[in-house]
N, C-alpha and C. Protein backbone atom coordinates (compact mmCIF):
# COMPACT_ATOMS: atom_id res chain seq x y z
N MET A 1 136.13 105.88 189.32
CA MET A 1 134.58 106.30 188.59
C MET A 1 134.98 105.40 187.89
N THR A 2 133.68 104.43 187.68
CA THR A 2 132.55 103.55 186.71
C THR A 2 133.00 103.67 185.33
N ILE A 3 133.89 103.16 184.70
CA ILE A 3 133.28 103.22 183.02
C ILE A 3 131.78 102.82 182.24
N PRO A 4 131.52 104.14 182.01
CA PRO A 4 130.29 103.78 181.43
C PRO A 4 130.30 103.19 180.34
N THR A 5 128.84 102.03 179.97
CA THR A 5 128.91 100.84 179.19
C THR A 5 127.79 101.10 178.40
N GLN A 6 127.77 100.50 177.29
CA GLN A 6 125.55 100.35 176.69
C GLN A 6 126.14 99.36 175.88
N MET A 7 124.46 98.42 175.76
CA MET A 7 125.02 97.47 175.31
C MET A 7 125.42 97.35 173.34
N SER A 8 126.21 96.74 172.96
CA SER A 8 126.59 96.34 171.61
C SER A 8 126.13 95.59 170.70
N LEU A 9 126.32 95.87 169.38
CA LEU A 9 125.33 94.73 168.71
C LEU A 9 126.75 95.16 167.14
N PRO A 10 126.77 94.06 166.58
CA PRO A 10 127.98 93.65 165.15
C PRO A 10 127.08 93.15 164.64
N GLY A 11 126.86 93.58 163.40
CA GLY A 11 126.08 93.06 162.38
C GLY A 11 126.61 93.50 160.82
N PHE A 12 125.68 93.27 160.08
CA PHE A 12 125.70 93.52 158.61
C PHE A 12 124.45 94.02 157.92
N ILE A 13 124.67 95.09 157.24
CA ILE A 13 123.41 95.40 156.55
C ILE A 13 122.57 94.69 155.58
N ALA A 14 121.44 94.04 155.65
CA ALA A 14 121.32 92.70 154.90
C ALA A 14 120.19 93.13 154.24
N ALA A 15 119.83 94.46 154.22
CA ALA A 15 118.59 95.26 153.17
C ALA A 15 118.23 96.53 152.75
N ALA A 16 118.27 97.14 152.08
CA ALA A 16 118.03 98.81 151.40
C ALA A 16 117.42 99.42 152.71
N PRO A 17 118.55 100.13 153.70
CA PRO A 17 118.37 101.14 154.39
C PRO A 17 116.71 101.97 153.82
N GLN A 18 116.05 102.21 154.59
CA GLN A 18 114.93 103.63 154.67
C GLN A 18 115.27 104.57 155.36
N LEU A 19 115.59 105.76 154.97
CA LEU A 19 114.58 107.21 156.19
C LEU A 19 113.31 107.42 156.03
N ASN A 20 112.42 107.61 157.14
CA ASN A 20 111.37 109.01 156.58
C ASN A 20 111.93 109.19 158.29
N PHE A 21 110.36 109.54 158.52
CA PHE A 21 110.33 110.78 159.80
C PHE A 21 109.09 110.64 160.51
N THR A 22 109.53 111.05 161.91
CA THR A 22 108.43 110.49 162.89
C THR A 22 107.43 111.33 162.42
N GLY A 23 106.54 111.01 163.36
CA GLY A 23 105.05 112.38 163.64
C GLY A 23 105.95 113.88 163.80
N ASP A 24 106.69 114.07 165.15
CA ASP A 24 107.18 115.45 165.16
C ASP A 24 108.14 115.80 163.96
N GLY A 25 108.69 115.09 162.88
CA GLY A 25 109.51 115.60 162.12
C GLY A 25 110.76 115.07 162.19
N ALA A 26 111.43 113.93 163.16
CA ALA A 26 112.68 113.82 163.30
C ALA A 26 112.75 112.51 162.47
N ALA A 27 114.28 112.81 162.40
CA ALA A 27 114.09 111.73 160.76
C ALA A 27 114.75 110.28 161.83
N ARG A 28 114.43 109.29 160.74
CA ARG A 28 114.33 107.65 161.59
C ARG A 28 115.03 107.25 160.48
N PHE A 29 115.98 106.22 160.88
CA PHE A 29 116.63 105.32 159.92
C PHE A 29 116.48 104.25 160.32
N TYR A 30 116.36 103.07 159.11
CA TYR A 30 115.60 102.02 159.52
C TYR A 30 116.23 100.78 158.40
N ALA A 31 116.55 99.81 159.55
CA ALA A 31 117.72 98.59 158.18
C ALA A 31 117.25 97.21 158.67
N ARG A 32 116.92 96.59 158.16
CA ARG A 32 117.38 95.12 158.44
C ARG A 32 118.58 95.16 158.32
N ILE A 33 118.48 93.82 159.88
CA ILE A 33 120.31 93.63 159.74
C ILE A 33 120.55 92.12 160.02
N GLY A 34 121.77 91.67 159.70
CA GLY A 34 121.89 90.46 160.42
C GLY A 34 122.90 90.35 161.16
N VAL A 35 122.92 88.99 161.63
CA VAL A 35 123.89 88.59 162.80
C VAL A 35 124.81 87.63 162.48
N GLU A 36 125.96 87.82 162.57
CA GLU A 36 126.53 86.56 162.48
C GLU A 36 127.20 85.41 163.45
N HIS A 37 126.70 84.29 163.60
CA HIS A 37 126.39 83.18 164.74
C HIS A 37 128.12 82.61 164.56
N TYR A 38 128.72 82.04 165.06
CA TYR A 38 129.69 81.03 165.41
C TYR A 38 129.45 80.07 166.61
N ARG A 39 130.19 79.26 166.72
CA ARG A 39 130.60 77.92 167.63
C ARG A 39 132.03 77.44 167.68
N LYS A 40 132.28 77.60 168.91
CA LYS A 40 133.95 77.24 169.17
C LYS A 40 134.07 75.78 169.45
N GLU A 41 134.95 74.93 168.56
CA GLU A 41 135.09 73.67 168.48
C GLU A 41 136.00 73.23 169.43
N THR A 42 136.15 71.94 169.46
CA THR A 42 136.54 71.29 170.29
C THR A 42 138.70 71.23 170.21
N ASP A 43 138.65 71.64 168.85
CA ASP A 43 140.05 71.86 168.57
C ASP A 43 140.60 73.41 168.14
N GLY A 44 139.35 74.34 169.09
CA GLY A 44 139.92 75.64 168.85
C GLY A 44 139.22 76.47 167.62
N SER A 45 138.94 75.56 166.65
CA SER A 45 138.65 76.28 164.94
C SER A 45 136.71 76.70 165.25
N PHE A 46 136.30 77.40 164.60
CA PHE A 46 135.03 77.95 164.98
C PHE A 46 134.14 77.56 163.31
N THR A 47 133.12 77.11 163.81
CA THR A 47 132.16 76.74 162.90
C THR A 47 130.99 77.76 162.58
N GLN A 48 130.33 78.52 161.76
CA GLN A 48 129.32 79.76 160.99
C GLN A 48 128.90 78.83 161.26
N LEU A 49 127.34 79.45 162.15
CA LEU A 49 126.55 78.92 162.15
C LEU A 49 125.25 79.81 161.20
N GLU A 50 124.12 79.96 161.51
CA GLU A 50 123.26 80.68 160.45
C GLU A 50 122.99 81.97 161.04
N SER A 51 122.99 83.14 160.47
CA SER A 51 122.83 84.20 160.69
C SER A 51 121.26 85.17 160.99
N THR A 52 121.63 85.52 162.36
CA THR A 52 119.74 86.17 162.55
C THR A 52 119.50 87.25 162.10
N PHE A 53 118.40 88.11 161.77
CA PHE A 53 117.80 88.99 161.26
C PHE A 53 116.81 89.48 162.09
N HIS A 54 117.26 91.07 162.13
CA HIS A 54 116.80 91.72 162.91
C HIS A 54 116.41 93.07 162.35
N ASP A 55 115.51 94.16 163.53
CA ASP A 55 115.58 95.36 163.09
C ASP A 55 116.57 96.70 163.70
N LEU A 56 116.73 97.42 163.06
CA LEU A 56 117.64 97.89 163.59
C LEU A 56 117.02 99.69 163.31
N VAL A 57 117.10 100.62 164.04
CA VAL A 57 116.84 101.84 164.27
C VAL A 57 117.75 102.92 164.48
N CYS A 58 117.91 104.01 163.93
CA CYS A 58 118.28 105.58 164.84
C CYS A 58 117.90 106.94 164.78
N TYR A 59 117.50 108.06 165.01
CA TYR A 59 116.95 108.77 165.07
C TYR A 59 118.00 110.08 164.66
N ARG A 60 117.20 111.24 164.07
CA ARG A 60 117.71 112.70 163.86
C ARG A 60 118.83 112.50 163.58
N LYS A 61 120.05 113.19 164.16
CA LYS A 61 121.33 113.23 162.27
C LYS A 61 122.04 112.33 162.58
N THR A 62 121.91 110.99 163.59
CA THR A 62 122.64 109.72 163.81
C THR A 62 122.08 109.27 162.33
N ALA A 63 120.65 108.88 162.38
CA ALA A 63 119.80 108.49 161.02
C ALA A 63 120.18 108.73 160.05
N GLU A 64 120.36 110.53 159.47
CA GLU A 64 120.72 111.32 158.49
C GLU A 64 121.73 110.31 158.44
N ARG A 65 122.97 110.38 158.71
CA ARG A 65 124.29 109.83 158.50
C ARG A 65 124.34 108.67 158.57
N ALA A 66 123.73 108.19 159.07
CA ALA A 66 123.78 106.40 158.99
C ALA A 66 122.96 106.13 157.36
N TYR A 67 121.79 106.67 156.92
CA TYR A 67 121.38 106.53 155.72
C TYR A 67 122.60 107.27 154.83
N ALA A 68 123.14 108.43 154.81
CA ALA A 68 124.12 108.57 153.68
C ALA A 68 124.89 107.64 153.63
N ARG A 69 125.70 107.10 154.62
CA ARG A 69 127.06 105.96 155.03
C ARG A 69 126.95 104.74 154.55
N PHE A 70 125.76 103.93 155.19
CA PHE A 70 125.01 102.65 154.94
C PHE A 70 124.45 101.91 153.64
N LYS A 71 125.16 101.08 153.42
CA LYS A 71 124.81 100.22 151.85
C LYS A 71 124.43 98.66 152.62
N VAL A 72 123.50 98.06 151.48
CA VAL A 72 123.86 96.60 151.86
C VAL A 72 125.03 96.12 151.88
N GLY A 73 125.04 95.36 152.84
CA GLY A 73 126.50 94.47 153.06
C GLY A 73 127.45 94.92 153.71
N ASP A 74 127.56 96.02 154.33
CA ASP A 74 128.24 96.73 154.75
C ASP A 74 128.56 96.27 156.32
N ASN A 75 129.59 96.17 156.84
CA ASN A 75 129.11 95.64 158.26
C ASN A 75 129.65 96.91 159.35
N PHE A 76 129.20 97.01 160.56
CA PHE A 76 129.19 97.87 161.40
C PHE A 76 129.04 97.13 163.19
N VAL A 77 128.90 98.24 164.40
CA VAL A 77 128.88 98.21 164.93
C VAL A 77 128.13 99.25 165.74
N ALA A 78 127.48 98.79 166.16
CA ALA A 78 126.07 99.55 166.92
C ALA A 78 126.39 99.97 168.65
N SER A 79 125.81 100.29 169.39
CA SER A 79 125.71 101.02 170.50
C SER A 79 124.32 100.86 171.44
N GLY A 80 123.72 100.86 171.89
CA GLY A 80 122.48 101.12 172.19
C GLY A 80 121.45 100.59 172.95
N TYR A 81 120.55 100.06 172.65
CA TYR A 81 119.28 99.45 173.64
C TYR A 81 118.82 98.73 172.82
N ILE A 82 117.95 98.25 173.18
CA ILE A 82 116.48 96.86 172.83
C ILE A 82 115.27 97.41 173.22
N HIS A 83 114.75 97.90 172.61
CA HIS A 83 113.29 98.29 172.59
C HIS A 83 112.02 96.90 172.19
N GLU A 84 111.05 97.10 173.10
CA GLU A 84 110.11 96.00 173.35
C GLU A 84 108.70 96.30 173.13
N TYR A 85 107.88 96.02 172.27
CA TYR A 85 106.78 96.30 171.71
C TYR A 85 105.90 95.97 171.06
N GLU A 86 104.60 96.19 171.26
CA GLU A 86 103.68 94.89 170.31
C GLU A 86 103.00 95.70 169.35
N LEU A 87 102.65 94.76 168.31
CA LEU A 87 102.04 94.92 166.85
C LEU A 87 100.90 94.27 166.94
N ASP A 88 100.28 95.55 166.58
CA ASP A 88 98.77 94.74 166.12
C ASP A 88 98.30 94.31 165.10
N ARG A 89 98.12 93.16 164.67
CA ARG A 89 97.96 92.43 162.76
C ARG A 89 96.74 92.17 163.10
N ASN A 90 95.79 92.81 162.34
CA ASN A 90 94.54 91.87 161.98
C ASN A 90 93.85 91.26 163.53
N GLY A 91 93.90 92.07 164.67
CA GLY A 91 93.21 91.75 166.13
C GLY A 91 94.47 90.87 166.62
N GLN A 92 95.92 90.09 165.96
CA GLN A 92 96.73 89.50 167.00
C GLN A 92 97.49 90.17 167.01
N VAL A 93 97.91 90.16 168.59
CA VAL A 93 98.77 91.13 169.02
C VAL A 93 100.15 90.04 169.14
N GLU A 94 101.28 90.98 168.26
CA GLU A 94 102.80 90.20 168.21
C GLU A 94 103.36 90.98 168.97
N ALA A 95 104.45 90.01 169.66
CA ALA A 95 105.50 90.95 170.66
C ALA A 95 106.90 91.18 169.53
N ARG A 96 107.48 92.29 169.47
CA ARG A 96 108.45 92.53 168.83
C ARG A 96 109.37 93.56 169.27
N GLU A 97 110.81 93.18 168.91
CA GLU A 97 112.11 93.88 169.21
C GLU A 97 112.37 94.33 168.12
N GLU A 98 113.33 95.55 168.37
CA GLU A 98 114.41 96.52 167.28
C GLU A 98 115.43 96.74 168.18
N PHE A 99 116.38 96.75 167.60
CA PHE A 99 117.47 97.46 168.24
C PHE A 99 117.86 98.89 168.36
N VAL A 100 117.74 99.62 169.18
CA VAL A 100 117.99 101.85 169.09
C VAL A 100 119.36 101.99 168.96
N ALA A 101 119.67 101.84 168.10
CA ALA A 101 121.42 102.91 167.76
C ALA A 101 121.27 103.89 168.59
N ARG A 102 122.16 104.41 169.52
CA ARG A 102 122.45 105.84 169.91
C ARG A 102 123.99 105.85 168.98
N ARG A 103 124.38 105.02 168.70
CA ARG A 103 125.81 105.15 167.63
C ARG A 103 125.68 104.09 167.16
N ILE A 104 126.30 104.65 165.66
CA ILE A 104 126.64 103.41 164.84
C ILE A 104 128.11 103.83 164.03
N GLY A 105 128.57 103.10 163.66
CA GLY A 105 130.09 103.05 162.27
C GLY A 105 130.36 101.60 162.26
N HIS A 106 130.77 101.88 160.99
CA HIS A 106 131.71 100.72 160.21
C HIS A 106 132.82 100.01 160.86
N ASP A 107 132.71 98.80 161.23
CA ASP A 107 133.01 97.72 161.87
C ASP A 107 134.64 97.84 161.13
N THR A 108 135.59 98.46 161.95
CA THR A 108 137.15 98.85 161.89
C THR A 108 138.15 97.46 161.40
N ALA A 109 137.04 96.05 161.73
CA ALA A 109 138.20 95.26 161.59
C ALA A 109 137.51 93.87 159.87
N ARG A 110 136.24 94.87 159.62
CA ARG A 110 135.96 94.36 158.42
C ARG A 110 135.74 95.37 157.21
N THR A 111 136.40 96.88 157.42
CA THR A 111 135.88 97.91 156.24
C THR A 111 137.34 98.33 156.27
N ASN A 112 137.56 98.40 155.33
CA ASN A 112 138.55 100.19 155.10
C ASN A 112 137.95 100.92 154.72
N TYR A 113 138.55 102.09 155.03
CA TYR A 113 137.99 103.36 155.07
C TYR A 113 138.76 104.51 155.18
N ASP A 114 138.48 105.28 154.64
CA ASP A 114 139.82 106.69 155.03
C ASP A 114 138.95 107.48 155.69
N VAL A 115 139.55 108.46 156.70
CA VAL A 115 138.97 108.97 157.65
C VAL A 115 139.20 110.83 157.74
N ASP A 116 137.63 111.75 157.32
CA ASP A 116 138.36 112.96 156.95
C ASP A 116 138.25 113.55 158.48
N ARG A 117 139.10 114.11 158.56
CA ARG A 117 139.24 114.66 160.08
C ARG A 117 139.11 116.05 160.31
N THR A 118 138.13 116.50 159.17
CA THR A 118 138.30 118.19 159.11
C THR A 118 136.98 118.02 160.39
N PRO A 119 137.01 119.05 160.33
CA PRO A 119 135.94 119.53 161.88
C PRO A 119 134.64 119.80 160.83
N ALA A 120 133.96 118.62 162.04
CA ALA A 120 132.38 118.88 161.24
C ALA A 120 131.57 120.01 161.83
N ARG A 121 130.88 120.44 161.37
CA ARG A 121 129.55 121.15 161.75
C ARG A 121 129.47 121.05 162.73
N GLN A 122 128.76 122.05 163.59
CA GLN A 122 128.00 122.02 164.46
C GLN A 122 127.43 120.98 165.00
N VAL A 123 127.50 120.42 166.36
CA VAL A 123 126.99 118.97 166.45
C VAL A 123 126.15 119.44 167.60
N GLU A 124 124.75 118.51 167.23
CA GLU A 124 123.69 118.61 168.76
C GLU A 124 124.36 117.98 169.65
N PRO A 125 123.70 118.48 170.97
CA PRO A 125 124.07 117.20 172.17
C PRO A 125 123.37 115.99 171.94
N PRO A 126 123.53 115.49 173.06
CA PRO A 126 122.59 113.73 173.07
C PRO A 126 121.31 113.82 173.74
N ALA A 127 120.61 113.55 173.05
CA ALA A 127 119.25 113.53 173.72
C ALA A 127 118.95 112.39 174.85
N ALA A 128 118.30 112.37 175.42
CA ALA A 128 118.19 111.68 177.10
C ALA A 128 117.76 109.91 176.36
N ASP A 129 116.77 110.20 175.64
CA ASP A 129 116.26 108.83 174.95
C ASP A 129 116.38 109.10 173.46
N LEU A 130 117.09 109.28 172.50
CA LEU A 130 117.29 109.13 171.67
C LEU A 130 119.29 109.34 170.90
N PRO A 131 119.58 108.86 170.21
CA PRO A 131 120.82 108.86 169.71
C PRO A 131 121.53 110.08 169.98
N SER A 132 122.34 109.66 169.96
CA SER A 132 123.61 110.89 169.95
C SER A 132 124.10 111.19 168.50
N ALA A 133 124.60 112.44 168.67
CA ALA A 133 124.88 112.75 167.38
C ALA A 133 126.45 113.37 166.99
N THR A 134 126.63 113.08 168.19
CA THR A 134 128.38 113.24 168.09
C THR A 134 128.88 111.94 167.56
N GLU A 135 130.09 112.97 166.97
CA GLU A 135 130.88 111.82 166.16
C GLU A 135 132.33 112.27 165.91
N PRO A 136 133.39 111.77 166.28
CA PRO A 136 134.77 111.99 166.78
C PRO A 136 135.73 111.96 164.72
N ALA A 137 135.04 111.59 164.27
CA ALA A 137 135.92 111.20 162.74
C ALA A 137 134.69 110.58 161.89
N ARG A 138 134.44 110.97 160.62
CA ARG A 138 133.34 111.28 159.96
C ARG A 138 133.94 109.93 158.75
N VAL A 139 132.85 108.44 158.22
CA VAL A 139 134.22 107.53 157.83
C VAL A 139 133.39 108.16 156.10
N VAL A 140 134.82 108.43 154.95
CA VAL A 140 134.32 108.61 153.68
C VAL A 140 134.67 107.62 152.73
N GLY A 141 134.61 107.91 152.24
CA GLY A 141 135.09 106.69 150.31
C GLY A 141 134.80 105.44 150.61
N ILE A 142 133.83 105.17 151.05
CA ILE A 142 132.93 103.60 151.12
C ILE A 142 132.49 103.55 149.88
């Protein structure tokens, strides 16, 4: 059996996250995020390049949990997909994209935290095109 994979994105929360709701009442988390870039030099060292900035969203319980747990400056790793869309601004159509996180958590390589392993309340099953609410461990004390 093939290992199931998804696109992943490491980054940091660059601006205060927002929680709002879709037309059908589903929670929607939005954050402006930064992604660091590096160049490997011939001597084996790395030079940090300018960060790029992007939009990240997630939905439902994942959105609620992300809003409760992520603050500006937090490092994360998310898995999901890129959603491309067009935005009409004063008659000008602009191509945009956002990363839709099905799952998101703090980056363990850059974050100190404690894990609360008490059983979580009822977990809703993953939706076909929205993020999963499944979460094996909860990050607390950040």
